[in-house]
Amino acid sequence: MGLTEWAYSLSESLLSDPLPRRWEHSLGVAKRARSLAPIVGGDAELLEVAAVLHDIGYSPAIAATGFHPLDGARFLREQEGADERVVRLVAHHSCALLEAEERGLRRELEGEFELERPELVDALLYCDMTTTPDGTQTTPAERLDEIVQRYGPDTIVGRFIQRAAPEIQAAARRVDERLAQVSADSQPM
């Protein structure tokens, strides 16, 4: 079984029954990741694998701390022996350090998992923050609003996402600029 097939199978087994909407979101995030192949080059498969796996930490079968990036990354490392780069992307997806700080887990996350290359961190964040809970495409602003509405502005997730909003918007702009540059470079003169 190839890396991508393994990742989809694992994510489906952990999310599709207990959390079908989370599974649909993960599929949508992976679809967005495939669309970024022109700007991530040789890391396209890595990004897609991390995208489909990014939310497995929500699965009741593996949730331990209640902080899904940490739970997912630990499971991938300890139970699956997953590629370290995939593990790092899952651990740090979508400004996870800021949420870890809200939860009192920042030292733990930073101490266990190094950051992956910034352009890949941006790419995964972009995929997550441009995909609705149902797996359809959206804008970062709409996604941020949806998260605050769903969780509430005064919850851990609500506070974190409001703090992270400027970085999420900046990362999305960086990815959009890279996509625009690739598109411009591929246009005939």
Protein backbone atom coordinates (compact mmCIF):
# COMPACT_ATOMS: atom_id res chain seq x y z
CA MET A 1 0.00 0.00 0.00
CA GLY A 2 1.37 3.40 -0.98
CA LEU A 3 1.67 6.35 1.37
CA THR A 4 -1.37 8.19 0.02
CA GLU A 5 -3.58 5.10 0.00
CA TRP A 6 -2.50 4.30 3.57
CA ALA A 7 -3.30 7.84 4.73
CA TYR A 8 -6.80 7.86 3.23
CA SER A 9 -7.54 4.42 4.63
CA LEU A 10 -6.33 5.35 8.11
CA SER A 11 -8.19 8.65 8.18
CA GLU A 12 -11.38 7.02 6.96
CA SER A 13 -11.12 4.26 9.58
CA LEU A 14 -10.73 6.82 12.37
CA LEU A 15 -13.19 9.49 11.25
CA SER A 16 -15.87 8.28 8.84
CA ASP A 17 -18.13 6.46 11.33
CA PRO A 18 -17.74 8.44 14.55
CA LEU A 19 -17.25 11.85 12.88
CA PRO A 20 -18.59 11.80 9.30
CA ARG A 21 -18.55 15.58 8.93
CA ARG A 22 -14.90 15.70 10.07
CA TRP A 23 -14.16 12.99 7.46
CA GLU A 24 -15.83 15.10 4.73
CA HIS A 25 -13.78 18.11 5.85
CA SER A 26 -10.57 16.03 5.69
CA LEU A 27 -11.40 14.89 2.17
CA GLY A 28 -12.00 18.50 1.15
CA VAL A 29 -8.72 19.62 2.70
CA ALA A 30 -6.90 16.85 0.80
CA LYS A 31 -8.57 17.95 -2.44
CA ARG A 32 -7.32 21.51 -1.81
CA ALA A 33 -3.86 20.10 -1.14
CA ARG A 34 -3.84 18.40 -4.55
CA SER A 35 -4.64 21.78 -6.12
CA LEU A 36 -1.45 23.21 -4.60
CA ALA A 37 0.83 20.72 -6.37
CA PRO A 38 2.18 23.45 -8.70
CA ILE A 39 3.62 25.40 -5.75
CA VAL A 40 4.82 22.52 -3.54
CA GLY A 41 6.48 20.45 -6.26
CA GLY A 42 8.10 17.32 -4.89
CA ASP A 43 6.23 17.69 -1.60
CA ALA A 44 2.79 17.35 -3.21
CA GLU A 45 2.19 13.84 -1.89
CA LEU A 46 3.46 14.80 1.57
CA LEU A 47 1.02 17.73 1.69
CA GLU A 48 -1.93 15.62 0.55
CA VAL A 49 -1.13 12.91 3.11
CA ALA A 50 -0.87 15.47 5.94
CA ALA A 51 -4.09 17.10 4.73
CA VAL A 52 -6.18 13.94 4.87
CA LEU A 53 -4.68 13.06 8.27
CA HIS A 54 -4.65 16.51 9.88
CA ASP A 55 -7.79 16.01 11.99
CA ILE A 56 -7.48 12.35 13.03
CA GLY A 57 -6.74 13.50 16.58
CA TYR A 58 -10.46 14.23 16.95
CA SER A 59 -11.21 10.51 16.67
CA PRO A 60 -12.58 9.11 19.94
CA ALA A 61 -10.36 6.07 19.32
CA ILE A 62 -7.17 8.11 19.78
CA ALA A 63 -8.11 11.38 21.53
CA ALA A 64 -6.11 11.60 24.76
CA THR A 65 -5.41 15.24 25.64
CA GLY A 66 -8.41 16.74 23.84
CA PHE A 67 -6.00 18.74 21.67
CA HIS A 68 -6.32 17.12 18.26
CA PRO A 69 -3.01 18.23 16.64
CA LEU A 70 -1.02 16.73 19.53
CA ASP A 71 -3.16 13.58 19.81
CA GLY A 72 -3.05 12.98 16.04
CA ALA A 73 0.70 13.56 15.76
CA ARG A 74 1.47 11.30 18.71
CA PHE A 75 -0.70 8.53 17.28
CA LEU A 76 0.95 8.82 13.87
CA ARG A 77 4.42 8.71 15.40
CA GLU A 78 3.88 6.08 18.10
CA GLN A 79 1.26 3.74 16.61
CA GLU A 80 1.79 4.13 12.88
CA GLY A 81 5.49 4.95 12.59
CA ALA A 82 4.51 7.64 10.09
CA ASP A 83 6.95 9.77 8.14
CA GLU A 84 8.32 12.43 10.51
CA ARG A 85 7.48 15.27 8.13
CA VAL A 86 3.82 14.19 8.02
CA VAL A 87 3.81 13.95 11.82
CA ARG A 88 5.26 17.47 12.13
CA LEU A 89 2.70 18.93 9.72
CA VAL A 90 -0.18 17.32 11.61
CA ALA A 91 1.26 18.51 14.94
CA HIS A 92 1.57 22.11 13.80
CA HIS A 93 -1.33 22.53 11.41
CA SER A 94 -3.31 25.76 11.37
CA CYS A 95 -1.46 27.73 14.05
CA ALA A 96 -1.57 24.85 16.53
CA LEU A 97 1.05 26.51 18.75
CA LEU A 98 -1.40 29.31 19.55
CA GLU A 99 -4.15 26.87 20.47
CA ALA A 100 -1.65 24.81 22.47
CA GLU A 101 -0.83 27.97 24.40
CA GLU A 102 -4.53 28.48 25.22
CA ARG A 103 -4.65 24.90 26.49
CA GLY A 104 -1.40 25.06 28.47
CA LEU A 105 0.25 22.59 26.07
CA ARG A 106 2.59 24.83 24.08
CA ARG A 107 5.80 23.57 25.73
CA GLU A 108 4.70 19.99 25.17
CA LEU A 109 3.92 20.55 21.48
CA GLU A 110 7.10 22.56 20.83
CA GLY A 111 9.25 20.10 22.75
CA GLU A 112 7.98 17.02 20.96
CA PHE A 113 7.54 18.24 17.40
CA GLU A 114 9.74 20.50 15.31
CA LEU A 115 8.15 22.83 12.79
CA GLU A 116 8.12 21.73 9.17
CA ARG A 117 9.24 24.05 6.35
CA PRO A 118 7.24 27.33 6.53
CA GLU A 119 5.90 27.11 2.97
CA LEU A 120 4.41 23.66 3.72
CA VAL A 121 2.97 24.85 7.04
CA ASP A 122 1.38 27.74 5.11
CA ALA A 123 0.07 25.37 2.44
CA LEU A 124 -1.62 23.04 4.94
CA LEU A 125 -3.07 25.99 6.84
CA TYR A 126 -4.42 27.35 3.56
CA CYS A 127 -6.04 24.04 2.70
CA ASP A 128 -7.67 23.76 6.12
CA MET A 129 -8.81 27.37 6.27
CA THR A 130 -10.29 27.37 2.77
CA THR A 131 -12.39 24.24 3.37
CA THR A 132 -15.73 24.17 5.20
CA PRO A 133 -16.66 21.51 7.76
CA ASP A 134 -18.60 19.82 4.94
CA GLY A 135 -15.57 19.73 2.63
CA THR A 136 -16.49 22.51 0.22
CA GLN A 137 -14.33 25.48 -0.72
CA THR A 138 -14.59 28.75 1.20
CA THR A 139 -12.54 31.84 1.98
CA PRO A 140 -10.34 32.21 5.05
CA ALA A 141 -12.58 35.04 6.36
CA GLU A 142 -15.71 32.91 6.04
CA ARG A 143 -13.98 29.93 7.64
CA LEU A 144 -12.76 32.03 10.57
CA ASP A 145 -16.28 33.40 11.11
CA GLU A 146 -17.74 29.90 10.93
CA ILE A 147 -15.31 28.59 13.57
CA VAL A 148 -16.05 31.45 15.96
CA GLN A 149 -19.80 30.94 15.46
CA ARG A 150 -19.59 27.18 15.93
CA TYR A 151 -17.45 27.23 19.06
CA GLY A 152 -18.32 30.65 20.51
CA PRO A 153 -15.99 33.63 20.88
CA ASP A 154 -15.16 32.99 24.54
CA THR A 155 -14.23 29.30 24.26
CA ILE A 156 -10.67 28.01 23.97
CA VAL A 157 -11.08 27.48 20.24
CA GLY A 158 -12.90 30.80 19.77
CA ARG A 159 -10.18 32.74 21.57
CA PHE A 160 -7.40 30.90 19.78
CA ILE A 161 -8.85 31.35 16.29
CA GLN A 162 -9.39 35.06 16.85
CA ARG A 163 -5.76 35.41 17.96
CA ALA A 164 -4.61 33.33 14.97
CA ALA A 165 -6.73 35.22 12.41
CA PRO A 166 -3.97 37.66 11.31
CA GLU A 167 -1.48 34.82 10.74
CA ILE A 168 -4.12 32.71 8.96
CA GLN A 169 -4.92 35.63 6.64
CA ALA A 170 -1.20 36.29 6.05
CA ALA A 171 -0.48 32.63 5.25
CA ALA A 172 -3.42 32.53 2.84
CA ARG A 173 -2.08 35.63 1.08
CA ARG A 174 1.38 34.05 0.79
CA VAL A 175 -0.09 30.92 -0.78
CA ASP A 176 -2.33 32.94 -3.12
CA GLU A 177 0.72 34.97 -4.20
CA ARG A 178 2.69 31.80 -4.91
CA LEU A 179 -0.23 30.39 -6.92
CA ALA A 180 -0.53 33.65 -8.88
CA GLN A 181 3.19 33.64 -9.62
CA VAL A 182 3.12 30.04 -10.89
CA SER A 183 0.10 30.90 -13.03
CA ALA A 184 1.80 34.00 -14.44
CA ASP A 185 5.00 32.06 -15.13
CA SER A 186 3.09 29.40 -17.07
CA GLN A 187 1.30 31.89 -19.35
CA PRO A 188 2.66 32.04 -22.90
CA MET A 189 4.15 35.36 -23.92
